[in-house]
Protein backbone atom coordinates (compact mmCIF):
# COMPACT_ATOMS: atom_id res chain seq x y z
CA MET A 1 198.38 192.38 83.40
CA ALA A 2 195.84 190.01 82.97
CA SER A 3 192.15 190.21 84.20
CA LEU A 4 190.33 187.03 85.23
CA THR A 5 187.03 185.81 86.05
CA PRO A 6 187.26 183.04 88.63
CA VAL A 7 185.41 179.93 87.50
CA SER A 8 183.34 178.65 90.56
CA GLN A 9 184.16 175.12 92.02
CA SER A 10 181.62 172.60 93.22
CA GLN A 11 181.70 172.91 97.02
CA LEU A 12 178.93 170.58 98.18
CA LEU A 13 179.65 166.91 98.39
CA PHE A 14 177.69 164.14 99.43
CA ASN A 15 174.82 165.32 101.22
CA LYS A 16 172.95 162.38 100.86
CA THR A 17 174.62 158.95 100.69
CA GLN A 18 173.09 156.71 98.08
CA PHE A 19 172.01 153.49 100.54
CA LYS A 20 168.52 152.02 100.76
CA LEU A 21 167.35 150.05 103.80
CA PRO A 22 164.71 147.45 103.56
CA PRO A 23 161.36 148.12 105.35
CA ASN A 24 161.39 147.64 109.21
CA LEU A 25 160.50 143.86 109.89
CA ARG A 26 157.44 143.74 112.52
CA SER A 27 158.22 142.33 115.99
CA GLY A 28 156.46 139.67 117.55
CA LEU A 29 153.92 136.84 116.35
CA LEU A 30 150.41 136.87 115.90
CA VAL A 31 148.70 135.08 119.06
CA ASN A 32 145.51 133.41 119.39
CA LYS A 33 144.40 133.15 122.75
CA PHE A 34 141.80 130.82 124.05
CA SER A 35 139.52 131.67 126.72
CA VAL A 36 138.35 127.94 127.06
CA SER A 37 140.36 125.81 129.94
CA PHE A 38 141.27 122.38 128.94
CA ARG A 39 141.12 120.88 132.37
CA ARG A 40 137.04 121.81 132.34
CA MET A 41 136.41 120.32 128.81
CA SER A 42 134.85 116.70 128.83
CA PHE A 43 137.64 115.60 126.25
CA ARG A 44 141.29 115.65 125.93
CA VAL A 45 143.57 116.45 122.83
CA PRO A 46 146.51 114.21 122.03
CA THR A 47 149.71 116.27 122.05
CA LYS A 48 150.58 115.14 118.45
CA ALA A 49 147.00 116.06 117.03
CA ALA A 50 147.40 119.29 118.87
CA ALA A 51 150.38 120.04 116.98
CA ALA A 52 148.98 118.86 113.79
CA SER A 53 146.05 121.04 113.90
CA GLY A 54 148.17 124.14 114.52
CA VAL A 55 147.09 124.85 118.10
CA VAL A 56 149.49 127.29 120.02
CA SER A 57 149.25 127.88 123.49
CA ALA A 58 149.42 131.68 125.16
CA THR A 59 152.42 130.43 126.86
CA THR A 60 154.59 129.46 123.90
CA ALA A 61 153.83 132.33 122.05
CA GLU A 62 154.73 134.58 124.74
CA LYS A 63 158.20 133.03 124.78
CA ALA A 64 158.68 133.84 121.05
CA LYS A 65 161.98 135.45 120.48
CA LYS A 66 162.21 139.21 119.65
CA ARG A 67 163.17 139.82 116.11
CA TYR A 68 165.57 142.45 115.34
CA PRO A 69 165.52 144.67 112.10
CA GLY A 70 167.62 142.68 109.44
CA GLU A 71 167.91 139.56 111.54
CA ALA A 72 166.27 137.54 108.98
CA LYS A 73 168.87 138.24 106.23
CA GLY A 74 171.72 137.37 108.55
CA PHE A 75 173.88 139.29 111.19
CA VAL A 76 175.35 141.55 108.39
CA GLU A 77 172.22 143.16 107.67
CA GLU A 78 171.74 143.92 111.30
CA MET A 79 174.90 145.66 111.21
CA ARG A 80 174.18 147.41 108.00
CA PHE A 81 170.92 148.63 109.69
CA VAL A 82 172.59 150.05 112.70
CA ALA A 83 175.09 151.70 110.86
CA MET A 84 172.71 153.64 108.62
CA LYS A 85 170.64 154.79 111.68
CA LEU A 86 173.89 156.41 112.89
CA HIS A 87 173.87 158.84 109.77
CA THR A 88 171.90 162.01 109.69
CA ARG A 89 168.97 162.32 107.64
CA ASP A 90 170.87 164.73 105.41
CA GLN A 91 173.19 161.95 104.95
CA ALA A 92 170.83 159.29 104.42
CA LYS A 93 166.98 158.79 104.13
CA GLU A 94 167.10 155.99 106.98
CA GLY A 95 169.18 158.52 108.90
CA GLU A 96 168.09 158.87 112.79
CA LYS A 97 171.25 160.68 114.16
CA GLU A 98 170.50 164.32 115.60
CA VAL A 99 173.23 166.88 114.88
CA LYS A 100 174.54 168.17 117.94
CA GLU A 101 177.57 169.57 116.81
CA PRO A 102 178.91 171.54 113.57
CA GLN A 103 180.95 168.51 112.40
CA GLU A 104 178.15 166.16 112.66
CA GLY A 105 176.03 167.98 109.80
CA PRO A 106 176.31 167.81 106.27
CA VAL A 107 179.38 169.21 104.55
CA ALA A 108 179.01 172.86 103.61
CA LYS A 109 182.37 172.87 101.89
CA TRP A 110 185.06 170.72 101.12
CA GLU A 111 188.74 172.08 101.18
CA PRO A 112 191.22 169.13 100.70
CA THR A 113 194.91 169.64 100.10
CA VAL A 114 197.70 167.55 99.46
CA ASP A 115 199.27 167.86 102.72
CA GLY A 116 196.15 167.11 104.61
CA TYR A 117 195.16 164.02 102.19
CA LEU A 118 198.53 162.46 102.87
CA LYS A 119 197.93 162.48 106.75
CA PHE A 120 194.62 160.79 106.07
CA LEU A 121 196.19 158.29 103.64
CA VAL A 122 199.00 157.76 106.44
CA ASP A 123 196.58 157.33 108.93
CA SER A 124 194.34 155.06 107.05
CA LYS A 125 197.36 152.76 106.24
CA LEU A 126 198.09 152.51 109.83
CA VAL A 127 194.63 151.31 110.67
CA TYR A 128 194.63 148.76 107.63
CA ASP A 129 198.02 147.77 108.77
CA THR A 130 196.72 146.75 112.37
CA LEU A 131 193.58 145.06 110.86
CA GLU A 132 195.46 142.93 108.70
CA GLU A 133 198.28 142.05 111.32
CA ILE A 134 195.44 141.10 113.99
CA VAL A 135 193.84 138.92 111.40
CA GLU A 136 197.00 137.23 110.61
CA LYS A 137 197.79 136.53 114.33
CA ALA A 138 194.33 135.45 115.08
CA PRO A 139 194.36 135.67 118.53
CA PHE A 140 190.64 134.07 118.10
CA PRO A 141 190.12 131.23 115.66
CA SER A 142 187.30 133.21 114.03
CA TYR A 143 189.66 135.88 112.95
CA ASN A 144 191.33 133.15 110.45
CA GLU A 145 188.09 133.51 108.15
CA PHE A 146 189.07 136.77 107.21
CA ARG A 147 192.50 136.29 105.81
CA ASN A 148 193.24 137.08 102.10
CA THR A 149 189.56 138.33 101.50
CA GLY A 150 190.65 140.62 98.68
CA LEU A 151 189.60 143.77 100.62
CA GLU A 152 193.01 144.31 102.06
CA ARG A 153 194.12 147.88 101.69
CA SER A 154 197.69 148.03 103.18
CA GLU A 155 199.76 147.12 99.99
CA LYS A 156 197.65 149.43 97.85
CA LEU A 157 198.31 152.34 100.38
CA ALA A 158 201.77 151.67 100.36
CA LYS A 159 201.92 152.26 96.39
CA ASP A 160 199.82 155.38 96.96
CA LEU A 161 202.58 157.01 99.25
CA GLU A 162 205.28 155.71 97.04
CA TRP A 163 203.76 157.74 94.24
CA PHE A 164 203.43 160.85 96.29
CA LYS A 165 207.20 160.53 97.66
CA GLU A 166 208.05 160.09 93.80
CA GLN A 167 206.34 163.46 93.15
CA GLY A 168 208.47 165.32 95.76
CA TYR A 169 206.18 165.07 98.90
CA ALA A 170 207.40 164.27 102.30
CA ILE A 171 205.11 161.63 104.04
CA PRO A 172 204.17 162.59 107.40
CA GLU A 173 204.09 160.25 110.39
CA PRO A 174 200.71 159.14 111.80
CA SER A 175 198.63 161.55 113.60
CA THR A 176 196.99 161.10 116.94
CA PRO A 177 193.48 160.01 115.45
CA GLY A 178 195.32 157.18 113.42
CA VAL A 179 197.48 155.96 116.38
CA THR A 180 194.81 155.92 118.81
CA TYR A 181 192.55 154.05 116.62
CA ALA A 182 195.25 151.51 115.97
CA GLU A 183 195.63 150.98 119.53
CA TYR A 184 191.98 150.79 120.20
CA LEU A 185 191.69 147.70 117.65
CA LYS A 186 194.86 146.02 119.23
CA GLU A 187 193.09 145.90 122.86
CA LEU A 188 189.54 144.83 121.41
CA SER A 189 191.16 142.07 119.25
CA GLU A 190 192.56 140.21 122.24
CA LYS A 191 189.65 140.42 124.68
CA ASP A 192 186.56 141.17 122.86
CA PRO A 193 186.09 139.30 119.27
CA GLN A 194 182.52 140.63 118.82
CA ALA A 195 183.38 144.25 119.31
CA PHE A 196 186.50 143.78 116.92
CA ILE A 197 184.47 142.23 114.29
CA CYS A 198 182.10 145.48 114.11
CA HIS A 199 185.02 147.40 113.52
CA PHE A 200 186.47 145.19 110.75
CA TYR A 201 183.06 145.08 109.13
CA ASN A 202 182.43 149.04 109.27
CA ILE A 203 186.03 150.09 108.16
CA TYR A 204 186.07 147.67 105.04
CA PHE A 205 182.54 148.00 103.99
CA ALA A 206 182.58 151.94 104.54
CA HIS A 207 185.62 152.50 102.24
CA SER A 208 184.01 150.23 99.91
CA ALA A 209 180.83 152.58 99.37
CA GLY A 210 181.31 156.19 100.96
CA GLY A 211 185.12 156.11 100.90
CA ARG A 212 185.24 155.67 97.07
CA MET A 213 182.98 158.57 96.47
CA ILE A 214 185.42 160.52 98.63
CA GLY A 215 188.61 159.52 96.74
CA LYS A 216 186.73 160.18 93.40
CA LYS A 217 185.85 163.86 94.50
CA VAL A 218 189.17 164.60 96.18
CA ALA A 219 191.14 163.32 92.90
CA GLU A 220 189.18 165.63 90.89
CA MET A 221 189.90 168.61 93.14
CA ILE A 222 193.51 168.15 93.78
CA LEU A 223 194.90 165.29 91.88
CA ASP A 224 193.83 166.10 88.56
CA LYS A 225 191.54 162.87 88.72
CA LYS A 226 194.59 160.52 89.32
CA ASP A 227 192.96 157.18 90.40
CA LEU A 228 194.83 155.95 93.39
CA GLU A 229 195.50 152.11 94.23
CA PHE A 230 193.70 152.89 97.59
CA TYR A 231 190.08 152.98 95.66
CA LYS A 232 190.91 149.81 93.33
CA TRP A 233 190.36 146.31 94.00
CA ASP A 234 191.74 142.97 92.38
CA GLY A 235 188.52 141.07 91.59
CA GLU A 236 184.92 142.16 91.24
CA LEU A 237 184.09 144.16 94.30
CA PRO A 238 180.69 143.07 94.78
CA GLN A 239 181.73 139.45 94.80
CA LEU A 240 184.64 140.23 97.39
CA LEU A 241 181.94 141.83 99.66
CA GLN A 242 179.44 139.19 99.31
CA ASN A 243 182.23 136.49 100.17
CA VAL A 244 183.13 138.39 103.25
CA ARG A 245 179.40 139.10 104.12
CA GLU A 246 178.87 135.15 104.16
CA LYS A 247 182.03 134.89 106.34
CA LEU A 248 180.62 137.39 108.65
CA ASN A 249 177.27 135.80 108.91
CA LYS A 250 178.66 132.31 109.41
CA VAL A 251 180.95 133.64 112.63
CA ALA A 252 178.11 135.29 114.15
CA GLU A 253 175.84 132.32 114.04
CA SER A 254 177.80 130.85 117.06
CA TRP A 255 177.33 134.22 119.04
CA THR A 256 174.33 134.31 121.58
CA ARG A 257 172.15 137.30 121.35
CA GLU A 258 173.83 139.32 123.88
CA GLU A 259 177.05 138.96 121.93
CA LYS A 260 175.28 140.12 118.83
CA ASN A 261 174.00 142.97 120.66
CA HIS A 262 177.37 143.94 122.10
CA CYS A 263 178.64 143.91 118.73
CA LEU A 264 176.07 146.28 117.42
CA GLU A 265 176.60 148.58 120.24
CA GLU A 266 180.20 149.04 119.24
CA THR A 267 179.25 150.65 115.82
CA GLU A 268 179.22 154.15 117.25
CA LYS A 269 182.76 154.01 118.20
CA SER A 270 183.68 152.82 115.12
CA PHE A 271 182.09 155.74 113.40
CA LYS A 272 183.67 158.11 115.85
CA HIS A 273 187.09 156.78 115.14
CA SER A 274 186.99 156.64 111.56
CA GLY A 275 185.14 160.29 111.55
CA GLU A 276 188.29 161.50 113.31
CA ILE A 277 190.60 160.40 110.75
CA LEU A 278 188.69 161.65 107.94
CA ARG A 279 187.98 165.34 109.42
CA LEU A 280 191.10 165.87 110.88
CA GLY A 281 193.01 164.76 107.97
CA PHE A 282 191.69 166.64 105.40
CA LEU A 283 188.42 167.61 105.65
CA ARG A 284 187.06 171.15 106.88
CA LEU A 285 183.67 171.88 107.73
CA HIS A 286 182.26 175.33 107.39
CA ALA A 287 178.94 177.02 108.53
CA ALA A 288 178.42 178.48 104.92
CA SER A 289 180.20 182.19 105.79
CA SER A 290 178.01 182.67 108.78
CA SER A 291 180.64 184.45 110.78
CA LEU A 292 181.23 187.06 107.78
CA THR A 293 179.62 190.62 108.71
CA PRO A 294 175.83 191.23 107.17
CA ALA A 295 177.50 193.91 104.52
CA LEU A 296 179.96 191.28 103.61
CA GLN A 297 177.76 188.91 103.17
CA ALA A 298 175.57 190.86 100.84
CA LYS A 299 178.39 191.74 98.72
CA ARG A 300 178.70 188.77 96.54
CA SER A 301 182.02 189.50 94.69
CA CYS A 302 185.11 191.42 95.63
CA PRO A 303 188.18 192.54 93.70
CA TYR A 304 191.73 191.11 94.63
CA THR A 305 194.92 191.56 93.45
CA VAL A 306 197.35 188.87 93.22
CA ILE A 307 201.24 189.28 92.42
CA ILE A 308 203.29 186.08 91.60
CA LYS A 309 207.18 186.34 91.52
CA THR A 310 208.78 183.58 89.58
CA SER A 311 211.93 182.45 90.91
CA CYS A 312 215.47 183.34 89.32
CA SER A 313 216.19 179.82 89.47
CA SER A 314 213.04 178.64 87.50
CA THR A 315 213.07 177.34 83.84
CA THR A 316 213.48 180.30 81.39
CA SER A 317 209.90 180.23 80.45
CA THR A 318 206.97 177.76 80.83
CA ARG A 319 204.19 176.63 78.79
CA ASP A 320 202.38 174.92 81.70
CA ARG A 321 198.90 175.68 82.62
CA ILE A 322 198.68 177.11 85.79
CA SER A 323 195.51 177.24 88.03
CA LEU A 324 194.83 179.01 91.49
CA ALA A 325 192.85 178.40 94.30
CA TYR A 326 192.49 180.71 97.69
CA GLY A 327 190.07 181.46 100.41
CA ASP A 328 189.17 181.89 104.09
CA ALA A 329 188.35 179.63 107.07
CA HIS A 330 184.50 180.57 106.56
CA GLY A 331 184.03 178.82 103.13
CA ASN A 332 184.72 181.48 100.78
CA GLU A 333 186.85 180.43 97.95
CA VAL A 334 188.20 182.39 94.79
CA TYR A 335 189.32 180.11 91.76
CA ALA A 336 191.09 180.93 88.63
CA LYS A 337 191.05 178.12 86.14
CA ARG A 338 194.01 179.46 84.30
CA LEU A 339 196.34 181.97 84.94
CA ASP A 340 199.27 181.38 82.37
CA ASP A 341 199.31 183.27 78.77
CA PRO A 342 201.87 182.43 76.58
CA VAL A 343 201.23 185.55 74.37
CA SER A 344 201.99 188.03 77.29
CA ARG A 345 205.04 185.90 78.28
CA THR A 346 203.91 185.23 82.00
CA PHE A 347 205.82 183.33 84.45
CA GLU A 348 209.25 184.05 83.05
CA ARG A 349 212.33 183.79 85.07
CA CYS A 350 212.71 186.34 87.50
CA SER A 351 209.42 188.04 86.52
CA SER A 352 206.63 189.45 88.68
CA ASP A 353 203.15 188.99 87.23
CA LYS A 354 200.01 190.73 88.34
CA PHE A 355 196.51 189.79 88.30
CA HIS A 356 193.11 191.45 88.96
CA ILE A 357 190.86 188.57 90.03
CA ASP A 358 187.09 188.95 91.30
CA GLY A 359 185.65 186.20 93.40
CA PRO A 360 183.51 185.67 96.85
CA CYS A 361 184.25 188.08 99.39
CA ALA A 362 186.44 186.51 101.92
CA ARG A 363 187.39 188.09 105.31
CA ASP A 364 191.12 186.80 105.79
CA ILE A 365 192.68 184.63 103.17
CA CYS A 366 194.58 181.90 104.88
CA TYR A 367 194.96 179.37 102.32
CA LEU A 368 196.26 179.10 98.83
CA ASN A 369 197.20 176.29 96.38
CA LEU A 370 198.38 176.18 92.94
CA LEU A 371 198.09 173.49 90.27
CA ARG A 372 201.01 173.06 87.39
CA ASN A 373 199.73 171.13 84.44
CA GLY A 374 202.56 170.57 81.76
CA SER A 375 206.19 169.63 80.90
CA ASP A 376 207.96 172.48 81.18
CA GLY A 377 208.30 173.07 84.83
CA TRP A 378 207.89 176.14 86.98
CA LYS A 379 209.47 177.37 90.09
CA PRO A 380 207.24 180.34 92.12
CA GLU A 381 209.23 182.28 94.63
CA PHE A 382 205.90 183.50 96.42
CA VAL A 383 202.46 184.83 95.98
CA LYS A 384 200.83 188.01 97.27
CA ILE A 385 197.04 188.73 97.63
CA SER A 386 195.35 191.60 98.77
CA GLY A 387 191.67 192.82 98.84
CA PRO A 388 189.34 194.93 100.38
CA HIS A 389 188.26 192.69 103.40
CA THR A 390 191.34 190.74 103.95
CA ASN A 391 194.98 191.93 104.96
CA PRO A 392 197.52 191.53 102.48
CA ILE A 393 199.20 187.90 102.68
CA ILE A 394 202.44 186.44 100.97
CA PHE A 395 202.56 182.77 100.75
CA ASP A 396 206.10 181.66 100.01
CA PHE A 397 207.19 178.67 97.66
CA ASN A 398 210.64 178.85 96.19
CA THR A 399 210.24 175.58 94.91
CA PHE A 400 209.35 173.63 91.67
CA LEU A 401 205.87 172.73 91.66
CA PRO A 402 204.91 169.08 91.10
CA ASN A 403 202.78 168.18 87.95
CA ARG A 404 199.18 168.00 88.11
CA VAL A 405 198.66 168.12 91.83
CA TRP A 406 197.60 170.78 93.91
CA PHE A 407 200.28 172.20 96.21
CA GLY A 408 200.35 175.23 98.48
CA HIS A 409 199.88 176.43 102.09
CA ASN A 410 197.04 175.98 104.61
CA LEU A 411 197.31 178.65 107.66
CA CYS A 412 193.62 178.63 108.58
CA ARG A 413 192.90 177.95 112.43
CA HIS A 414 189.66 176.14 113.14
CA GLY A 415 188.16 175.75 116.61
């Protein structure tokens, strides 16, 4: 029997993204208005002389074009400005979006699982496949500018999914968010190049920034810090991005102001579709245990009994390091960094091991993951958990765990 004190995992992720925007550019021109009428003066100023002396009529000033935030630096800066405004203040200092739904607020807790992450990767690959296919076919000549930019992700994602397959995971089919977005991109690309370019920019540039941070965090939590190809580029990423910025600015030079505005207006839809793939794929948002009873909230720690049965078809014994994480649908998670103990001969074939673990009080346990790190191998048959505020629950495994990857079940339901 082993008594364990769970180690708290970091639960907060990227409440504030590290973007900075330039100060707002002031619109309009400083205009000097003249009260003197030239027709009533006793002399006339030649046109060339007036221009040389810097005289500007009020009529000319009134026709001066409105300047848009970022316009002086090129259209890409305009797109970036609009994208940053769609963040909340918790996500970015320049954010202006008001939080109307719980999923629009900051992430209170991340609970990625391998199965959920695979859904995200599969949906992402479908979107990148679609983008690269559209650019290759180029229904509009301007799309030719964006071939072979070095930002392409489809081939990288294919390698990652193959790696997961080699670890014993089944690769799922694309889900509704991914299929819906891919179809929408196809439709836009054939009739609305400005709107399509908006999505192209936001997908690739968002992945190079916030996407990389997400990948790093998920790798730390469930992949034992494995670096996926999805987050690697052949070449210097800053230079690749700059090359594409220049191409985007070049294409937009031929657009009217109305076409540019139309592109900017599409930004919110890009955020919506990408957010659905991310959120429904592996990110679960919680309201920091707000649904727990006051008595349960006040009680910071609760005792749990965990029984793990090792399969009779497992290895005779294992020296692998075994970690455990489980929790409820309200943001409460118990984490045991290491359960194995070679001295007490835990996890031998056909054995049952009981552990007493103290951790955050959960109302109803609905997910559990195990992590194995080593070369011996181990096949758990089931894990049973009971506690003072949760009904006893059994998670069946009866399969050899993959190495260095969190593996388990998620039975939580979210509204």
